[in-house]
Amino acid sequence: MPKIPRGHKRGGRTAVTNRAAPRAVGDLIARGAAVLSRISDQSARQTFWRSWLSEQLPQELDAHVTGAVERDGALTLFADSAAWAARLRYALRELEPAIDGARANIREIKVRVLPRR
């Protein structure tokens, strides 16, 4: 006896297929280009802040900064331990006017711990 698909039986679930409309290759590339543009911009901002901080911070403290991320008006800096993060917070209080001069759109500065791998 042939099997009847479950969707055709009384009270059974019907199979739902998820078929998206075909997309043009140009649309996929354009969407990918926007993502790559955002990544490139973020990378440029990180490079800017790392080089700027290496000029402004004492060499001993700069060696323990593991990263910098600028996003939505907030600058988040990462130190490799809690002790160095505390030192970085104190050093940044003195550098706040210089940070405003470097980039006026920074409204908030955060320091987080991110150990090196």
PDB file of N, CA and C in Angstrom:
ATOM      1  N   MET A   1       0.843  -1.158   0.000  1.00  0.00           N
ATOM      2  CA  MET A   1       0.000   0.000   0.000  1.00  0.00           C
ATOM      3  C   MET A   1       0.905   1.243   0.000  1.00  0.00           C
ATOM      4  N   PRO A   2       0.633   2.232  -0.857  1.00  0.00           N
ATOM      5  CA  PRO A   2       1.482   3.423  -0.924  1.00  0.00           C
ATOM      6  C   PRO A   2       1.281   4.296   0.314  1.00  0.00           C
ATOM      7  N   LYS A   3       2.384   4.953   0.697  1.00  0.00           N
ATOM      8  CA  LYS A   3       2.303   5.848   1.852  1.00  0.00           C
ATOM      9  C   LYS A   3       1.695   7.178   1.426  1.00  0.00           C
ATOM     10  N   ILE A   4       0.824   7.670   2.273  1.00  0.00           N
ATOM     11  CA  ILE A   4       0.214   8.974   2.023  1.00  0.00           C
ATOM     12  C   ILE A   4       0.959   9.996   2.886  1.00  0.00           C
ATOM     13  N   PRO A   5       1.392  11.096   2.291  1.00  0.00           N
ATOM     14  CA  PRO A   5       2.109  12.101   3.110  1.00  0.00           C
ATOM     15  C   PRO A   5       1.238  12.564   4.265  1.00  0.00           C
ATOM     16  N   ARG A   6       1.860  12.813   5.384  1.00  0.00           N
ATOM     17  CA  ARG A   6       1.169  13.179   6.609  1.00  0.00           C
ATOM     18  C   ARG A   6       0.330  14.449   6.437  1.00  0.00           C
ATOM     19  N   GLY A   7       0.740  15.321   5.581  1.00  0.00           N
ATOM     20  CA  GLY A   7       0.026  16.577   5.394  1.00  0.00           C
ATOM     21  C   GLY A   7      -1.340  16.412   4.775  1.00  0.00           C
ATOM     22  N   HIS A   8      -1.588  15.285   4.159  1.00  0.00           N
ATOM     23  CA  HIS A   8      -2.877  15.083   3.509  1.00  0.00           C
ATOM     24  C   HIS A   8      -3.877  14.346   4.382  1.00  0.00           C
ATOM     25  N   LYS A   9      -3.457  13.851   5.520  1.00  0.00           N
ATOM     26  CA  LYS A   9      -4.374  13.165   6.415  1.00  0.00           C
ATOM     27  C   LYS A   9      -5.182  14.174   7.209  1.00  0.00           C
ATOM     28  N   ARG A  10      -6.298  13.770   7.621  1.00  0.00           N
ATOM     29  CA  ARG A  10      -7.161  14.626   8.411  1.00  0.00           C
ATOM     30  C   ARG A  10      -6.496  14.934   9.749  1.00  0.00           C
ATOM     31  N   GLY A  11      -6.353  16.221  10.116  1.00  0.00           N
ATOM     32  CA  GLY A  11      -5.759  16.620  11.380  1.00  0.00           C
ATOM     33  C   GLY A  11      -4.237  16.646  11.357  1.00  0.00           C
ATOM     34  N   GLY A  12      -3.633  16.258  10.251  1.00  0.00           N
ATOM     35  CA  GLY A  12      -2.181  16.243  10.156  1.00  0.00           C
ATOM     36  C   GLY A  12      -1.624  17.622   9.809  1.00  0.00           C
ATOM     37  N   ARG A  13      -0.354  17.771  10.067  1.00  0.00           N
ATOM     38  CA  ARG A  13       0.285  19.043   9.732  1.00  0.00           C
ATOM     39  C   ARG A  13       0.623  19.083   8.252  1.00  0.00           C
ATOM     40  N   THR A  14       0.530  20.250   7.688  1.00  0.00           N
ATOM     41  CA  THR A  14       0.926  20.399   6.294  1.00  0.00           C
ATOM     42  C   THR A  14       2.380  20.849   6.269  1.00  0.00           C
ATOM     43  N   ALA A  15       3.071  20.384   5.297  1.00  0.00           N
ATOM     44  CA  ALA A  15       4.488  20.734   5.158  1.00  0.00           C
ATOM     45  C   ALA A  15       4.600  22.171   4.650  1.00  0.00           C
ATOM     46  N   VAL A  16       5.425  22.944   5.322  1.00  0.00           N
ATOM     47  CA  VAL A  16       5.646  24.317   4.911  1.00  0.00           C
ATOM     48  C   VAL A  16       7.051  24.400   4.339  1.00  0.00           C
ATOM     49  N   THR A  17       7.130  24.872   3.136  1.00  0.00           N
ATOM     50  CA  THR A  17       8.448  25.018   2.528  1.00  0.00           C
ATOM     51  C   THR A  17       8.848  26.482   2.614  1.00  0.00           C
ATOM     52  N   ASN A  18      10.117  26.698   2.854  1.00  0.00           N
ATOM     53  CA  ASN A  18      10.650  28.053   2.986  1.00  0.00           C
ATOM     54  C   ASN A  18      11.451  28.355   1.725  1.00  0.00           C
ATOM     55  N   ARG A  19      10.767  28.856   0.764  1.00  0.00           N
ATOM     56  CA  ARG A  19      11.425  29.165  -0.501  1.00  0.00           C
ATOM     57  C   ARG A  19      11.503  30.683  -0.648  1.00  0.00           C
ATOM     58  N   ALA A  20      12.703  31.176  -0.587  1.00  0.00           N
ATOM     59  CA  ALA A  20      12.905  32.600  -0.786  1.00  0.00           C
ATOM     60  C   ALA A  20      12.990  32.874  -2.284  1.00  0.00           C
ATOM     61  N   ALA A  21      12.588  34.064  -2.635  1.00  0.00           N
ATOM     62  CA  ALA A  21      12.659  34.454  -4.036  1.00  0.00           C
ATOM     63  C   ALA A  21      14.125  34.545  -4.456  1.00  0.00           C
ATOM     64  N   PRO A  22      14.429  34.187  -5.669  1.00  0.00           N
ATOM     65  CA  PRO A  22      15.816  34.293  -6.124  1.00  0.00           C
ATOM     66  C   PRO A  22      16.291  35.745  -6.058  1.00  0.00           C
ATOM     67  N   ARG A  23      17.567  35.913  -5.717  1.00  0.00           N
ATOM     68  CA  ARG A  23      18.124  37.257  -5.612  1.00  0.00           C
ATOM     69  C   ARG A  23      19.157  37.460  -6.707  1.00  0.00           C
ATOM     70  N   ALA A  24      19.277  38.679  -7.106  1.00  0.00           N
ATOM     71  CA  ALA A  24      20.277  39.006  -8.117  1.00  0.00           C
ATOM     72  C   ALA A  24      21.658  39.011  -7.467  1.00  0.00           C
ATOM     73  N   VAL A  25      22.640  38.591  -8.205  1.00  0.00           N
ATOM     74  CA  VAL A  25      24.009  38.549  -7.687  1.00  0.00           C
ATOM     75  C   VAL A  25      24.467  39.956  -7.313  1.00  0.00           C
ATOM     76  N   GLY A  26      24.074  40.936  -8.081  1.00  0.00           N
ATOM     77  CA  GLY A  26      24.451  42.324  -7.796  1.00  0.00           C
ATOM     78  C   GLY A  26      23.931  42.793  -6.441  1.00  0.00           C
ATOM     79  N   ASP A  27      22.707  42.366  -6.088  1.00  0.00           N
ATOM     80  CA  ASP A  27      22.142  42.727  -4.785  1.00  0.00           C
ATOM     81  C   ASP A  27      22.934  42.097  -3.651  1.00  0.00           C
ATOM     82  N   LEU A  28      23.325  40.843  -3.819  1.00  0.00           N
ATOM     83  CA  LEU A  28      24.114  40.161  -2.789  1.00  0.00           C
ATOM     84  C   LEU A  28      25.485  40.818  -2.625  1.00  0.00           C
ATOM     85  N   ILE A  29      26.098  41.189  -3.728  1.00  0.00           N
ATOM     86  CA  ILE A  29      27.403  41.848  -3.662  1.00  0.00           C
ATOM     87  C   ILE A  29      27.278  43.217  -3.017  1.00  0.00           C
ATOM     88  N   ALA A  30      26.234  43.963  -3.351  1.00  0.00           N
ATOM     89  CA  ALA A  30      26.041  45.295  -2.761  1.00  0.00           C
ATOM     90  C   ALA A  30      25.841  45.192  -1.256  1.00  0.00           C
ATOM     91  N   ARG A  31      25.089  44.207  -0.805  1.00  0.00           N
ATOM     92  CA  ARG A  31      24.885  44.030   0.626  1.00  0.00           C
ATOM     93  C   ARG A  31      26.196  43.645   1.298  1.00  0.00           C
ATOM     94  N   GLY A  32      26.969  42.792   0.650  1.00  0.00           N
ATOM     95  CA  GLY A  32      28.276  42.407   1.177  1.00  0.00           C
ATOM     96  C   GLY A  32      29.236  43.582   1.218  1.00  0.00           C
ATOM     97  N   ALA A  33      29.153  44.466   0.235  1.00  0.00           N
ATOM     98  CA  ALA A  33      30.031  45.644   0.205  1.00  0.00           C
ATOM     99  C   ALA A  33      29.709  46.574   1.373  1.00  0.00           C
ATOM    100  N   ALA A  34      28.457  46.688   1.743  1.00  0.00           N
ATOM    101  CA  ALA A  34      28.089  47.537   2.885  1.00  0.00           C
ATOM    102  C   ALA A  34      28.669  46.968   4.175  1.00  0.00           C
ATOM    103  N   VAL A  35      28.619  45.667   4.327  1.00  0.00           N
ATOM    104  CA  VAL A  35      29.184  45.016   5.514  1.00  0.00           C
ATOM    105  C   VAL A  35      30.690  45.221   5.550  1.00  0.00           C
ATOM    106  N   LEU A  36      31.346  45.026   4.415  1.00  0.00           N
ATOM    107  CA  LEU A  36      32.791  45.220   4.345  1.00  0.00           C
ATOM    108  C   LEU A  36      33.171  46.670   4.624  1.00  0.00           C
ATOM    109  N   SER A  37      32.342  47.595   4.188  1.00  0.00           N
ATOM    110  CA  SER A  37      32.603  49.015   4.445  1.00  0.00           C
ATOM    111  C   SER A  37      32.549  49.307   5.945  1.00  0.00           C
ATOM    112  N   ARG A  38      31.558  48.751   6.635  1.00  0.00           N
ATOM    113  CA  ARG A  38      31.460  48.948   8.088  1.00  0.00           C
ATOM    114  C   ARG A  38      32.659  48.342   8.801  1.00  0.00           C
ATOM    115  N   ILE A  39      33.078  47.169   8.369  1.00  0.00           N
ATOM    116  CA  ILE A  39      34.233  46.517   8.984  1.00  0.00           C
ATOM    117  C   ILE A  39      35.489  47.343   8.744  1.00  0.00           C
ATOM    118  N   SER A  40      35.636  47.855   7.555  1.00  0.00           N
ATOM    119  CA  SER A  40      36.803  48.681   7.222  1.00  0.00           C
ATOM    120  C   SER A  40      36.821  49.958   8.055  1.00  0.00           C
ATOM    121  N   ASP A  41      35.658  50.597   8.225  1.00  0.00           N
ATOM    122  CA  ASP A  41      35.578  51.808   9.042  1.00  0.00           C
ATOM    123  C   ASP A  41      35.939  51.516  10.494  1.00  0.00           C
ATOM    124  N   GLN A  42      35.433  50.420  11.040  1.00  0.00           N
ATOM    125  CA  GLN A  42      35.729  50.053  12.424  1.00  0.00           C
ATOM    126  C   GLN A  42      37.215  49.765  12.591  1.00  0.00           C
ATOM    127  N   SER A  43      37.795  49.094  11.621  1.00  0.00           N
ATOM    128  CA  SER A  43      39.224  48.796  11.677  1.00  0.00           C
ATOM    129  C   SER A  43      40.057  50.074  11.647  1.00  0.00           C
ATOM    130  N   ALA A  44      39.651  51.032  10.834  1.00  0.00           N
ATOM    131  CA  ALA A  44      40.366  52.310  10.765  1.00  0.00           C
ATOM    132  C   ALA A  44      40.277  53.060  12.092  1.00  0.00           C
ATOM    133  N   ARG A  45      39.101  53.028  12.725  1.00  0.00           N
ATOM    134  CA  ARG A  45      38.946  53.703  14.030  1.00  0.00           C
ATOM    135  C   ARG A  45      39.809  53.023  15.092  1.00  0.00           C
ATOM    136  N   GLN A  46      39.857  51.695  15.080  1.00  0.00           N
ATOM    137  CA  GLN A  46      40.693  50.978  16.046  1.00  0.00           C
ATOM    138  C   GLN A  46      42.164  51.317  15.848  1.00  0.00           C
ATOM    139  N   THR A  47      42.591  51.360  14.611  1.00  0.00           N
ATOM    140  CA  THR A  47      43.983  51.704  14.320  1.00  0.00           C
ATOM    141  C   THR A  47      44.297  53.119  14.775  1.00  0.00           C
ATOM    142  N   PHE A  48      43.366  54.050  14.519  1.00  0.00           N
ATOM    143  CA  PHE A  48      43.564  55.427  14.956  1.00  0.00           C
ATOM    144  C   PHE A  48      43.742  55.506  16.466  1.00  0.00           C
ATOM    145  N   TRP A  49      42.825  54.869  17.224  1.00  0.00           N
ATOM    146  CA  TRP A  49      42.892  54.961  18.685  1.00  0.00           C
ATOM    147  C   TRP A  49      44.117  54.260  19.253  1.00  0.00           C
ATOM    148  N   ARG A  50      44.505  53.141  18.686  1.00  0.00           N
ATOM    149  CA  ARG A  50      45.706  52.457  19.194  1.00  0.00           C
ATOM    150  C   ARG A  50      46.942  53.320  18.987  1.00  0.00           C
ATOM    151  N   SER A  51      47.079  53.929  17.821  1.00  0.00           N
ATOM    152  CA  SER A  51      48.263  54.774  17.587  1.00  0.00           C
ATOM    153  C   SER A  51      48.191  56.046  18.425  1.00  0.00           C
ATOM    154  N   TRP A  52      47.007  56.617  18.574  1.00  0.00           N
ATOM    155  CA  TRP A  52      46.858  57.831  19.372  1.00  0.00           C
ATOM    156  C   TRP A  52      47.188  57.558  20.837  1.00  0.00           C
ATOM    157  N   LEU A  53      46.673  56.446  21.360  1.00  0.00           N
ATOM    158  CA  LEU A  53      46.937  56.096  22.757  1.00  0.00           C
ATOM    159  C   LEU A  53      48.409  55.773  22.996  1.00  0.00           C
ATOM    160  N   SER A  54      49.055  55.152  22.022  1.00  0.00           N
ATOM    161  CA  SER A  54      50.475  54.838  22.211  1.00  0.00           C
ATOM    162  C   SER A  54      51.314  56.104  22.297  1.00  0.00           C
ATOM    163  N   GLU A  55      50.859  57.192  21.680  1.00  0.00           N
ATOM    164  CA  GLU A  55      51.553  58.477  21.789  1.00  0.00           C
ATOM    165  C   GLU A  55      51.252  59.180  23.114  1.00  0.00           C
ATOM    166  N   GLN A  56      50.055  58.998  23.640  1.00  0.00           N
ATOM    167  CA  GLN A  56      49.611  59.753  24.810  1.00  0.00           C
ATOM    168  C   GLN A  56      49.906  59.063  26.141  1.00  0.00           C
ATOM    169  N   LEU A  57      49.844  57.747  26.172  1.00  0.00           N
ATOM    170  CA  LEU A  57      50.002  57.014  27.427  1.00  0.00           C
ATOM    171  C   LEU A  57      51.474  56.703  27.692  1.00  0.00           C
ATOM    172  N   PRO A  58      51.835  56.568  28.956  1.00  0.00           N
ATOM    173  CA  PRO A  58      53.193  56.100  29.262  1.00  0.00           C
ATOM    174  C   PRO A  58      53.408  54.708  28.657  1.00  0.00           C
ATOM    175  N   GLN A  59      54.632  54.427  28.262  1.00  0.00           N
ATOM    176  CA  GLN A  59      54.936  53.166  27.581  1.00  0.00           C
ATOM    177  C   GLN A  59      54.569  51.958  28.440  1.00  0.00           C
ATOM    178  N   GLU A  60      54.789  52.054  29.742  1.00  0.00           N
ATOM    179  CA  GLU A  60      54.468  50.946  30.647  1.00  0.00           C
ATOM    180  C   GLU A  60      52.973  50.632  30.626  1.00  0.00           C
ATOM    181  N   LEU A  61      52.139  51.671  30.604  1.00  0.00           N
ATOM    182  CA  LEU A  61      50.689  51.471  30.588  1.00  0.00           C
ATOM    183  C   LEU A  61      50.206  51.053  29.204  1.00  0.00           C
ATOM    184  N   ASP A  62      50.765  51.631  28.167  1.00  0.00           N
ATOM    185  CA  ASP A  62      50.343  51.315  26.805  1.00  0.00           C
ATOM    186  C   ASP A  62      50.589  49.843  26.469  1.00  0.00           C
ATOM    187  N   ALA A  63      51.600  49.259  27.057  1.00  0.00           N
ATOM    188  CA  ALA A  63      51.908  47.850  26.796  1.00  0.00           C
ATOM    189  C   ALA A  63      50.802  46.925  27.298  1.00  0.00           C
ATOM    190  N   HIS A  64      49.953  47.399  28.194  1.00  0.00           N
ATOM    191  CA  HIS A  64      48.886  46.562  28.765  1.00  0.00           C
ATOM    192  C   HIS A  64      47.509  46.869  28.190  1.00  0.00           C
ATOM    193  N   VAL A  65      47.433  47.768  27.214  1.00  0.00           N
ATOM    194  CA  VAL A  65      46.172  48.040  26.518  1.00  0.00           C
ATOM    195  C   VAL A  65      46.041  47.004  25.412  1.00  0.00           C
ATOM    196  N   THR A  66      44.948  46.237  25.451  1.00  0.00           N
ATOM    197  CA  THR A  66      44.775  45.144  24.494  1.00  0.00           C
ATOM    198  C   THR A  66      43.845  45.482  23.342  1.00  0.00           C
ATOM    199  N   GLY A  67      43.109  46.584  23.427  1.00  0.00           N
ATOM    200  CA  GLY A  67      42.220  46.931  22.327  1.00  0.00           C
ATOM    201  C   GLY A  67      41.490  48.229  22.568  1.00  0.00           C
ATOM    202  N   ALA A  68      40.911  48.743  21.482  1.00  0.00           N
ATOM    203  CA  ALA A  68      40.120  49.968  21.537  1.00  0.00           C
ATOM    204  C   ALA A  68      38.996  49.852  20.517  1.00  0.00           C
ATOM    205  N   VAL A  69      37.771  50.154  20.947  1.00  0.00           N
ATOM    206  CA  VAL A  69      36.612  50.087  20.065  1.00  0.00           C
ATOM    207  C   VAL A  69      35.813  51.367  20.222  1.00  0.00           C
ATOM    208  N   GLU A  70      35.543  52.026  19.105  1.00  0.00           N
ATOM    209  CA  GLU A  70      34.695  53.223  19.108  1.00  0.00           C
ATOM    210  C   GLU A  70      33.380  52.855  18.435  1.00  0.00           C
ATOM    211  N   ARG A  71      32.283  53.023  19.176  1.00  0.00           N
ATOM    212  CA  ARG A  71      30.975  52.678  18.636  1.00  0.00           C
ATOM    213  C   ARG A  71      29.897  53.538  19.279  1.00  0.00           C
ATOM    214  N   ASP A  72      29.081  54.163  18.468  1.00  0.00           N
ATOM    215  CA  ASP A  72      27.922  54.948  18.923  1.00  0.00           C
ATOM    216  C   ASP A  72      28.304  55.986  19.963  1.00  0.00           C
ATOM    217  N   GLY A  73      29.375  56.704  19.736  1.00  0.00           N
ATOM    218  CA  GLY A  73      29.776  57.770  20.647  1.00  0.00           C
ATOM    219  C   GLY A  73      30.455  57.296  21.919  1.00  0.00           C
ATOM    220  N   ALA A  74      30.765  56.020  22.014  1.00  0.00           N
ATOM    221  CA  ALA A  74      31.438  55.481  23.198  1.00  0.00           C
ATOM    222  C   ALA A  74      32.781  54.889  22.776  1.00  0.00           C
ATOM    223  N   LEU A  75      33.794  55.210  23.543  1.00  0.00           N
ATOM    224  CA  LEU A  75      35.122  54.640  23.326  1.00  0.00           C
ATOM    225  C   LEU A  75      35.358  53.624  24.433  1.00  0.00           C
ATOM    226  N   THR A  76      35.526  52.368  24.043  1.00  0.00           N
ATOM    227  CA  THR A  76      35.779  51.299  25.009  1.00  0.00           C
ATOM    228  C   THR A  76      37.216  50.848  24.838  1.00  0.00           C
ATOM    229  N   LEU A  77      37.974  50.923  25.931  1.00  0.00           N
ATOM    230  CA  LEU A  77      39.371  50.496  25.922  1.00  0.00           C
ATOM    231  C   LEU A  77      39.496  49.244  26.769  1.00  0.00           C
ATOM    232  N   PHE A  78      40.364  48.352  26.353  1.00  0.00           N
ATOM    233  CA  PHE A  78      40.549  47.086  27.035  1.00  0.00           C
ATOM    234  C   PHE A  78      41.970  46.990  27.583  1.00  0.00           C
ATOM    235  N   ALA A  79      42.074  46.531  28.826  1.00  0.00           N
ATOM    236  CA  ALA A  79      43.368  46.294  29.459  1.00  0.00           C
ATOM    237  C   ALA A  79      43.468  44.807  29.786  1.00  0.00           C
ATOM    238  N   ASP A  80      44.702  44.329  29.935  1.00  0.00           N
ATOM    239  CA  ASP A  80      44.874  42.888  30.104  1.00  0.00           C
ATOM    240  C   ASP A  80      44.650  42.368  31.526  1.00  0.00           C
ATOM    241  N   SER A  81      44.451  43.248  32.503  1.00  0.00           N
ATOM    242  CA  SER A  81      44.121  42.793  33.859  1.00  0.00           C
ATOM    243  C   SER A  81      43.350  43.898  34.574  1.00  0.00           C
ATOM    244  N   ALA A  82      42.739  43.546  35.688  1.00  0.00           N
ATOM    245  CA  ALA A  82      41.960  44.516  36.449  1.00  0.00           C
ATOM    246  C   ALA A  82      42.849  45.620  37.016  1.00  0.00           C
ATOM    247  N   ALA A  83      44.055  45.270  37.433  1.00  0.00           N
ATOM    248  CA  ALA A  83      44.963  46.271  37.988  1.00  0.00           C
ATOM    249  C   ALA A  83      45.339  47.306  36.929  1.00  0.00           C
ATOM    250  N   TRP A  84      45.650  46.842  35.712  1.00  0.00           N
ATOM    251  CA  TRP A  84      46.006  47.778  34.648  1.00  0.00           C
ATOM    252  C   TRP A  84      44.786  48.546  34.154  1.00  0.00           C
ATOM    253  N   ALA A  85      43.610  47.960  34.236  1.00  0.00           N
ATOM    254  CA  ALA A  85      42.391  48.682  33.863  1.00  0.00           C
ATOM    255  C   ALA A  85      42.160  49.857  34.816  1.00  0.00           C
ATOM    256  N   ALA A  86      42.420  49.653  36.105  1.00  0.00           N
ATOM    257  CA  ALA A  86      42.270  50.748  37.072  1.00  0.00           C
ATOM    258  C   ALA A  86      43.267  51.866  36.775  1.00  0.00           C
ATOM    259  N   ARG A  87      44.500  51.508  36.472  1.00  0.00           N
ATOM    260  CA  ARG A  87      45.498  52.527  36.127  1.00  0.00           C
ATOM    261  C   ARG A  87      45.099  53.268  34.858  1.00  0.00           C
ATOM    262  N   LEU A  88      44.553  52.546  33.913  1.00  0.00           N
ATOM    263  CA  LEU A  88      44.126  53.160  32.658  1.00  0.00           C
ATOM    264  C   LEU A  88      42.983  54.143  32.896  1.00  0.00           C
ATOM    265  N   ARG A  89      42.044  53.798  33.784  1.00  0.00           N
ATOM    266  CA  ARG A  89      40.938  54.719  34.103  1.00  0.00           C
ATOM    267  C   ARG A  89      41.470  56.046  34.653  1.00  0.00           C
ATOM    268  N   TYR A  90      42.430  55.965  35.558  1.00  0.00           N
ATOM    269  CA  TYR A  90      43.000  57.195  36.124  1.00  0.00           C
ATOM    270  C   TYR A  90      43.743  58.004  35.071  1.00  0.00           C
ATOM    271  N   ALA A  91      44.472  57.337  34.204  1.00  0.00           N
ATOM    272  CA  ALA A  91      45.211  58.047  33.159  1.00  0.00           C
ATOM    273  C   ALA A  91      44.260  58.706  32.161  1.00  0.00           C
ATOM    274  N   LEU A  92      43.139  58.060  31.894  1.00  0.00           N
ATOM    275  CA  LEU A  92      42.191  58.612  30.924  1.00  0.00           C
ATOM    276  C   LEU A  92      41.479  59.851  31.453  1.00  0.00           C
ATOM    277  N   ARG A  93      41.336  59.969  32.751  1.00  0.00           N
ATOM    278  CA  ARG A  93      40.715  61.178  33.304  1.00  0.00           C
ATOM    279  C   ARG A  93      41.526  62.411  32.932  1.00  0.00           C
ATOM    280  N   GLU A  94      42.850  62.259  32.938  1.00  0.00           N
ATOM    281  CA  GLU A  94      43.712  63.378  32.558  1.00  0.00           C
ATOM    282  C   GLU A  94      43.689  63.611  31.052  1.00  0.00           C
ATOM    283  N   LEU A  95      43.401  62.582  30.278  1.00  0.00           N
ATOM    284  CA  LEU A  95      43.416  62.693  28.824  1.00  0.00           C
ATOM    285  C   LEU A  95      42.064  63.057  28.209  1.00  0.00           C
ATOM    286  N   GLU A  96      41.014  63.196  29.013  1.00  0.00           N
ATOM    287  CA  GLU A  96      39.682  63.473  28.467  1.00  0.00           C
ATOM    288  C   GLU A  96      39.643  64.695  27.556  1.00  0.00           C
ATOM    289  N   PRO A  97      40.257  65.826  27.933  1.00  0.00           N
ATOM    290  CA  PRO A  97      40.235  66.963  27.009  1.00  0.00           C
ATOM    291  C   PRO A  97      40.941  66.654  25.683  1.00  0.00           C
ATOM    292  N   ALA A  98      42.021  65.912  25.740  1.00  0.00           N
ATOM    293  CA  ALA A  98      42.733  65.552  24.513  1.00  0.00           C
ATOM    294  C   ALA A  98      41.909  64.589  23.661  1.00  0.00           C
ATOM    295  N   ILE A  99      41.161  63.698  24.297  1.00  0.00           N
ATOM    296  CA  ILE A  99      40.295  62.776  23.560  1.00  0.00           C
ATOM    297  C   ILE A  99      39.194  63.551  22.861  1.00  0.00           C
ATOM    298  N   ASP A 100      38.622  64.546  23.555  1.00  0.00           N
ATOM    299  CA  ASP A 100      37.608  65.387  22.918  1.00  0.00           C
ATOM    300  C   ASP A 100      38.190  66.138  21.730  1.00  0.00           C
ATOM    301  N   GLY A 101      39.458  66.545  21.845  1.00  0.00           N
ATOM    302  CA  GLY A 101      40.109  67.218  20.729  1.00  0.00           C
ATOM    303  C   GLY A 101      40.382  66.282  19.563  1.00  0.00           C
ATOM    304  N   ALA A 102      40.672  65.025  19.860  1.00  0.00           N
ATOM    305  CA  ALA A 102      40.958  64.053  18.803  1.00  0.00           C
ATOM    306  C   ALA A 102      39.686  63.665  18.052  1.00  0.00           C
ATOM    307  N   ARG A 103      38.634  63.404  18.786  1.00  0.00           N
ATOM    308  CA  ARG A 103      37.335  63.058  18.192  1.00  0.00           C
ATOM    309  C   ARG A 103      36.243  63.674  19.050  1.00  0.00           C
ATOM    310  N   ALA A 104      35.528  64.624  18.510  1.00  0.00           N
ATOM    311  CA  ALA A 104      34.520  65.349  19.283  1.00  0.00           C
ATOM    312  C   ALA A 104      33.263  64.523  19.545  1.00  0.00           C
ATOM    313  N   ASN A 105      33.054  63.454  18.806  1.00  0.00           N
ATOM    314  CA  ASN A 105      31.816  62.691  18.959  1.00  0.00           C
ATOM    315  C   ASN A 105      31.851  61.687  20.105  1.00  0.00           C
ATOM    316  N   ILE A 106      32.953  61.594  20.846  1.00  0.00           N
ATOM    317  CA  ILE A 106      33.045  60.645  21.964  1.00  0.00           C
ATOM    318  C   ILE A 106      32.350  61.248  23.179  1.00  0.00           C
ATOM    319  N   ARG A 107      31.289  60.580  23.638  1.00  0.00           N
ATOM    320  CA  ARG A 107      30.526  61.054  24.796  1.00  0.00           C
ATOM    321  C   ARG A 107      30.833  60.256  26.056  1.00  0.00           C
ATOM    322  N   GLU A 108      31.342  59.035  25.878  1.00  0.00           N
ATOM    323  CA  GLU A 108      31.543  58.144  27.012  1.00  0.00           C
ATOM    324  C   GLU A 108      32.816  57.331  26.794  1.00  0.00           C
ATOM    325  N   ILE A 109      33.561  57.139  27.877  1.00  0.00           N
ATOM    326  CA  ILE A 109      34.775  56.328  27.821  1.00  0.00           C
ATOM    327  C   ILE A 109      34.627  55.201  28.831  1.00  0.00           C
ATOM    328  N   LYS A 110      34.796  53.979  28.351  1.00  0.00           N
ATOM    329  CA  LYS A 110      34.688  52.803  29.216  1.00  0.00           C
ATOM    330  C   LYS A 110      36.014  52.059  29.200  1.00  0.00           C
ATOM    331  N   VAL A 111      36.316  51.413  30.307  1.00  0.00           N
ATOM    332  CA  VAL A 111      37.508  50.563  30.384  1.00  0.00           C
ATOM    333  C   VAL A 111      37.051  49.185  30.837  1.00  0.00           C
ATOM    334  N   ARG A 112      37.446  48.178  30.085  1.00  0.00           N
ATOM    335  CA  ARG A 112      37.083  46.796  30.377  1.00  0.00           C
ATOM    336  C   ARG A 112      38.353  45.938  30.424  1.00  0.00           C
ATOM    337  N   VAL A 113      38.218  44.750  30.978  1.00  0.00           N
ATOM    338  CA  VAL A 113      39.339  43.817  31.059  1.00  0.00           C
ATOM    339  C   VAL A 113      39.181  42.790  29.926  1.00  0.00           C
ATOM    340  N   LEU A 114      40.242  42.625  29.149  1.00  0.00           N
ATOM    341  CA  LEU A 114      40.285  41.624  28.084  1.00  0.00           C
ATOM    342  C   LEU A 114      41.708  41.087  28.030  1.00  0.00           C
ATOM    343  N   PRO A 115      41.954  39.940  28.663  1.00  0.00           N
ATOM    344  CA  PRO A 115      43.317  39.385  28.680  1.00  0.00           C
ATOM    345  C   PRO A 115      43.802  39.043  27.274  1.00  0.00           C
ATOM    346  N   ARG A 116      45.107  39.093  27.106  1.00  0.00           N
ATOM    347  CA  ARG A 116      45.694  38.695  25.827  1.00  0.00           C
ATOM    348  C   ARG A 116      45.611  37.182  25.689  1.00  0.00           C
ATOM    349  N   ARG A 117      45.500  36.715  24.477  1.00  0.00           N
ATOM    350  CA  ARG A 117      45.436  35.269  24.235  1.00  0.00           C
ATOM    351  C   ARG A 117      46.734  34.779  23.710  1.00  0.00           C
TER     352      ARG A 117
END
